[in-house]
C-alpha atoms as a PDB file:
ATOM      1  CA  MET A   1       0.088  -0.005  -0.182  1.00  0.00           C
ATOM      2  CA  THR A   2       1.520   3.209  -0.881  1.00  0.00           C
ATOM      3  CA  ILE A   3       0.239   6.479   1.237  1.00  0.00           C
ATOM      4  CA  HIS A   4       0.671   9.787  -0.519  1.00  0.00           C
ATOM      5  CA  GLU A   5       1.464  12.614   2.051  1.00  0.00           C
ATOM      6  CA  ASN A   6       1.511  16.315   1.279  1.00  0.00           C
ATOM      7  CA  LEU A   7       5.219  17.104   2.390  1.00  0.00           C
ATOM      8  CA  LEU A   8       4.687  20.322   2.256  1.00  0.00           C
ATOM      9  CA  GLY A   9       1.828  20.200   4.876  1.00  0.00           C
ATOM     10  CA  GLY A  10      -0.606  22.563   2.823  1.00  0.00           C
ATOM     11  CA  PRO A  11      -3.923  21.740   1.975  1.00  0.00           C
ATOM     12  CA  PRO A  12      -4.459  19.609  -0.955  1.00  0.00           C
ATOM     13  CA  PRO A  13      -5.496  21.051  -4.534  1.00  0.00           C
ATOM     14  CA  THR A  14      -8.923  22.071  -4.650  1.00  0.00           C
ATOM     15  CA  HIS A  15     -10.631  20.511  -8.051  1.00  0.00           C
ATOM     16  CA  LEU A  16     -14.040  21.851  -8.984  1.00  0.00           C
ATOM     17  CA  PRO A  17     -16.307  19.517 -10.457  1.00  0.00           C
ATOM     18  CA  ASP A  18     -16.859  19.892 -13.893  1.00  0.00           C
ATOM     19  CA  ASP A  19     -19.724  21.940 -15.237  1.00  0.00           C
ATOM     20  CA  PRO A  20     -19.706  21.142 -19.263  1.00  0.00           C
ATOM     21  CA  GLU A  21     -22.670  22.822 -20.607  1.00  0.00           C
ATOM     22  CA  PRO A  22     -21.368  26.356 -20.208  1.00  0.00           C
ATOM     23  CA  ARG A  23     -18.180  25.586 -21.788  1.00  0.00           C
ATOM     24  CA  GLU A  24     -19.991  24.006 -24.548  1.00  0.00           C
ATOM     25  CA  LEU A  25     -22.050  26.394 -25.350  1.00  0.00           C
ATOM     26  CA  LEU A  26     -19.401  29.155 -25.095  1.00  0.00           C
ATOM     27  CA  ALA A  27     -17.356  26.983 -27.224  1.00  0.00           C
ATOM     28  CA  ASN A  28     -20.048  26.534 -29.921  1.00  0.00           C
ATOM     29  CA  GLY A  29     -20.419  30.746 -30.332  1.00  0.00           C
ATOM     30  CA  THR A  30     -23.292  30.966 -27.990  1.00  0.00           C
ATOM     31  CA  ALA A  31     -23.197  34.196 -26.502  1.00  0.00           C
ATOM     32  CA  PRO A  32     -21.797  34.593 -23.075  1.00  0.00           C
ATOM     33  CA  ALA A  33     -24.544  37.137 -21.568  1.00  0.00           C
ATOM     34  CA  ASP A  34     -27.053  34.031 -23.035  1.00  0.00           C
ATOM     35  CA  VAL A  35     -24.571  31.703 -21.088  1.00  0.00           C
ATOM     36  CA  ALA A  36     -24.516  33.823 -17.874  1.00  0.00           C
ATOM     37  CA  ALA A  37     -28.065  34.122 -17.653  1.00  0.00           C
ATOM     38  CA  LYS A  38     -28.513  30.428 -18.314  1.00  0.00           C
ATOM     39  CA  TYR A  39     -26.059  29.413 -15.891  1.00  0.00           C
ATOM     40  CA  PRO A  40     -25.262  32.457 -13.495  1.00  0.00           C
ATOM     41  CA  THR A  41     -22.918  30.133 -11.317  1.00  0.00           C
ATOM     42  CA  SER A  42     -20.662  30.001 -14.079  1.00  0.00           C
ATOM     43  CA  SER A  43     -17.236  31.555 -13.505  1.00  0.00           C
ATOM     44  CA  LEU A  44     -16.449  30.856 -16.911  1.00  0.00           C
ATOM     45  CA  ALA A  45     -19.112  32.635 -18.285  1.00  0.00           C
ATOM     46  CA  TRP A  46     -18.637  36.139 -16.314  1.00  0.00           C
ATOM     47  CA  ALA A  47     -14.797  35.490 -16.971  1.00  0.00           C
ATOM     48  CA  GLN A  48     -15.654  35.655 -20.870  1.00  0.00           C
ATOM     49  CA  LEU A  49     -18.217  38.802 -20.203  1.00  0.00           C
ATOM     50  CA  ALA A  50     -15.287  40.340 -18.617  1.00  0.00           C
ATOM     51  CA  ASP A  51     -12.665  39.727 -21.432  1.00  0.00           C
ATOM     52  CA  ASP A  52     -14.959  40.637 -23.838  1.00  0.00           C
ATOM     53  CA  ALA A  53     -15.547  44.081 -22.227  1.00  0.00           C
ATOM     54  CA  PHE A  54     -12.405  44.958 -21.551  1.00  0.00           C
ATOM     55  CA  GLU A  55     -11.279  44.165 -25.308  1.00  0.00           C
ATOM     56  CA  ARG A  56     -13.942  46.860 -26.135  1.00  0.00           C
ATOM     57  CA  GLY A  57     -12.447  49.215 -23.954  1.00  0.00           C
ATOM     58  CA  SER A  58     -15.467  48.842 -21.162  1.00  0.00           C
ATOM     59  CA  VAL A  59     -13.294  48.430 -18.402  1.00  0.00           C
ATOM     60  CA  VAL A  60     -15.720  48.697 -15.562  1.00  0.00           C
ATOM     61  CA  GLU A  61     -17.755  46.695 -17.136  1.00  0.00           C
ATOM     62  CA  SER A  62     -14.912  43.932 -17.286  1.00  0.00           C
ATOM     63  CA  TYR A  63     -14.706  44.872 -13.322  1.00  0.00           C
ATOM     64  CA  ALA A  64     -17.926  44.122 -12.440  1.00  0.00           C
ATOM     65  CA  TYR A  65     -18.454  40.837 -14.426  1.00  0.00           C
ATOM     66  CA  ALA A  66     -15.006  39.677 -13.515  1.00  0.00           C
ATOM     67  CA  ARG A  67     -16.011  40.456  -9.618  1.00  0.00           C
ATOM     68  CA  THR A  68     -19.027  38.497 -10.233  1.00  0.00           C
ATOM     69  CA  GLY A  69     -17.049  35.321 -11.649  1.00  0.00           C
ATOM     70  CA  TYR A  70     -14.498  35.559  -9.081  1.00  0.00           C
ATOM     71  CA  HIS A  71     -17.384  35.781  -6.471  1.00  0.00           C
ATOM     72  CA  ARG A  72     -19.312  32.822  -7.760  1.00  0.00           C
ATOM     73  CA  GLY A  73     -15.766  30.439  -7.956  1.00  0.00           C
ATOM     74  CA  LEU A  74     -15.145  31.337  -4.442  1.00  0.00           C
ATOM     75  CA  ASP A  75     -18.529  30.241  -3.443  1.00  0.00           C
ATOM     76  CA  SER A  76     -18.143  26.827  -5.490  1.00  0.00           C
ATOM     77  CA  LEU A  77     -14.342  26.409  -4.382  1.00  0.00           C
ATOM     78  CA  ARG A  78     -15.498  26.678  -0.678  1.00  0.00           C
ATOM     79  CA  ARG A  79     -18.696  24.412  -1.278  1.00  0.00           C
ATOM     80  CA  ASN A  80     -15.540  21.842  -2.511  1.00  0.00           C
ATOM     81  CA  GLY A  81     -13.869  21.934   0.514  1.00  0.00           C
ATOM     82  CA  TRP A  82     -11.482  25.095   0.119  1.00  0.00           C
ATOM     83  CA  LYS A  83     -10.569  26.525   3.210  1.00  0.00           C
ATOM     84  CA  GLY A  84      -9.298  29.857   1.787  1.00  0.00           C
ATOM     85  CA  HIS A  85      -6.131  29.268   0.499  1.00  0.00           C
ATOM     86  CA  GLY A  86      -4.184  26.083  -1.277  1.00  0.00           C
ATOM     87  CA  PRO A  87      -3.824  25.354  -4.919  1.00  0.00           C
ATOM     88  CA  VAL A  88      -6.229  25.894  -7.473  1.00  0.00           C
ATOM     89  CA  PRO A  89      -4.263  23.823 -10.267  1.00  0.00           C
ATOM     90  CA  TRP A  90      -5.166  25.898 -13.846  1.00  0.00           C
ATOM     91  CA  GLU A  91      -4.353  21.929 -15.234  1.00  0.00           C
ATOM     92  CA  HIS A  92      -7.366  20.689 -13.991  1.00  0.00           C
ATOM     93  CA  GLU A  93     -10.000  22.517 -16.837  1.00  0.00           C
ATOM     94  CA  PRO A  94     -12.945  23.059 -14.369  1.00  0.00           C
ATOM     95  CA  ASN A  95     -10.893  25.390 -11.867  1.00  0.00           C
ATOM     96  CA  ARG A  96      -9.862  27.748 -15.149  1.00  0.00           C
ATOM     97  CA  GLY A  97     -13.780  29.771 -14.984  1.00  0.00           C
ATOM     98  CA  PHE A  98     -12.347  30.829 -11.616  1.00  0.00           C
ATOM     99  CA  LEU A  99      -8.795  31.420 -12.269  1.00  0.00           C
ATOM    100  CA  ARG A 100      -9.794  33.034 -15.554  1.00  0.00           C
ATOM    101  CA  ALA A 101     -12.239  35.617 -13.272  1.00  0.00           C
ATOM    102  CA  LEU A 102      -9.533  36.450 -10.828  1.00  0.00           C
ATOM    103  CA  HIS A 103      -6.939  37.225 -13.592  1.00  0.00           C
ATOM    104  CA  ALA A 104      -9.679  39.634 -15.391  1.00  0.00           C
ATOM    105  CA  LEU A 105     -10.063  41.337 -12.054  1.00  0.00           C
ATOM    106  CA  ALA A 106      -6.902  41.940 -11.436  1.00  0.00           C
ATOM    107  CA  ARG A 107      -6.270  43.528 -14.749  1.00  0.00           C
ATOM    108  CA  ALA A 108      -9.348  45.356 -14.382  1.00  0.00           C
ATOM    109  CA  ALA A 109      -8.036  46.968 -11.039  1.00  0.00           C
ATOM    110  CA  GLN A 110      -4.900  47.741 -12.372  1.00  0.00           C
ATOM    111  CA  THR A 111      -6.209  49.666 -15.146  1.00  0.00           C
ATOM    112  CA  ILE A 112      -8.668  51.908 -13.181  1.00  0.00           C
ATOM    113  CA  GLY A 113      -5.877  52.376 -10.963  1.00  0.00           C
ATOM    114  CA  GLU A 114      -6.845  50.231  -8.010  1.00  0.00           C
ATOM    115  CA  GLN A 115      -3.171  48.913  -6.933  1.00  0.00           C
ATOM    116  CA  GLU A 116      -4.177  47.371  -3.688  1.00  0.00           C
ATOM    117  CA  GLU A 117      -6.867  45.428  -5.490  1.00  0.00           C
ATOM    118  CA  TYR A 118      -4.501  44.449  -8.587  1.00  0.00           C
ATOM    119  CA  ALA A 119      -1.705  43.371  -6.031  1.00  0.00           C
ATOM    120  CA  ARG A 120      -3.784  41.369  -3.851  1.00  0.00           C
ATOM    121  CA  CYS A 121      -5.570  39.432  -7.037  1.00  0.00           C
ATOM    122  CA  SER A 122      -2.258  39.037  -8.451  1.00  0.00           C
ATOM    123  CA  GLN A 123      -0.834  37.067  -5.494  1.00  0.00           C
ATOM    124  CA  PHE A 124      -3.878  35.156  -5.220  1.00  0.00           C
ATOM    125  CA  LEU A 125      -3.471  34.188  -8.922  1.00  0.00           C
ATOM    126  CA  LYS A 126       0.162  33.513  -8.506  1.00  0.00           C
ATOM    127  CA  ASP A 127      -0.374  31.587  -4.837  1.00  0.00           C
ATOM    128  CA  SER A 128      -3.422  29.421  -6.209  1.00  0.00           C
ATOM    129  CA  SER A 129      -1.664  28.447  -9.960  1.00  0.00           C
ATOM    130  CA  PRO A 130       1.935  29.462 -10.815  1.00  0.00           C
ATOM    131  CA  THR A 131       0.445  27.977 -14.111  1.00  0.00           C
ATOM    132  CA  ALA A 132      -2.268  30.043 -14.460  1.00  0.00           C
ATOM    133  CA  ALA A 133      -0.770  33.051 -13.663  1.00  0.00           C
ATOM    134  CA  GLN A 134       2.083  32.855 -16.392  1.00  0.00           C
ATOM    135  CA  THR A 135      -0.623  31.388 -18.841  1.00  0.00           C
ATOM    136  CA  LEU A 136      -2.991  34.162 -18.478  1.00  0.00           C
ATOM    137  CA  GLY A 137      -0.070  36.792 -18.066  1.00  0.00           C
END
């Protein structure tokens, strides 16, 4: 018998349950607002709305969408055993909506000059998933 132990003493990674419907709708070209309306708990839909708004130059709108996706993600993380810290791996695709929303929130905060929020969210992203921080920029 092999016993797997976290030698660093930190919490185990959190892997959110798969929610394929919003991801598939977005991949098939459904408008992110329609996906968010049908699946309001989907951080992925809110993150896409945030990205789209940011790309159009609507930074405050992006901030609001990102904050919604971030808080929906925190709710889901907590429901799935997350205790406020620890890894949220990018490699686990269902985690990506939350991580994208967190990145979008940091980006929008920086753009509107909210440096404290930017620093907090950027560090949270790095602490949660160094891969996400690197991948998302």
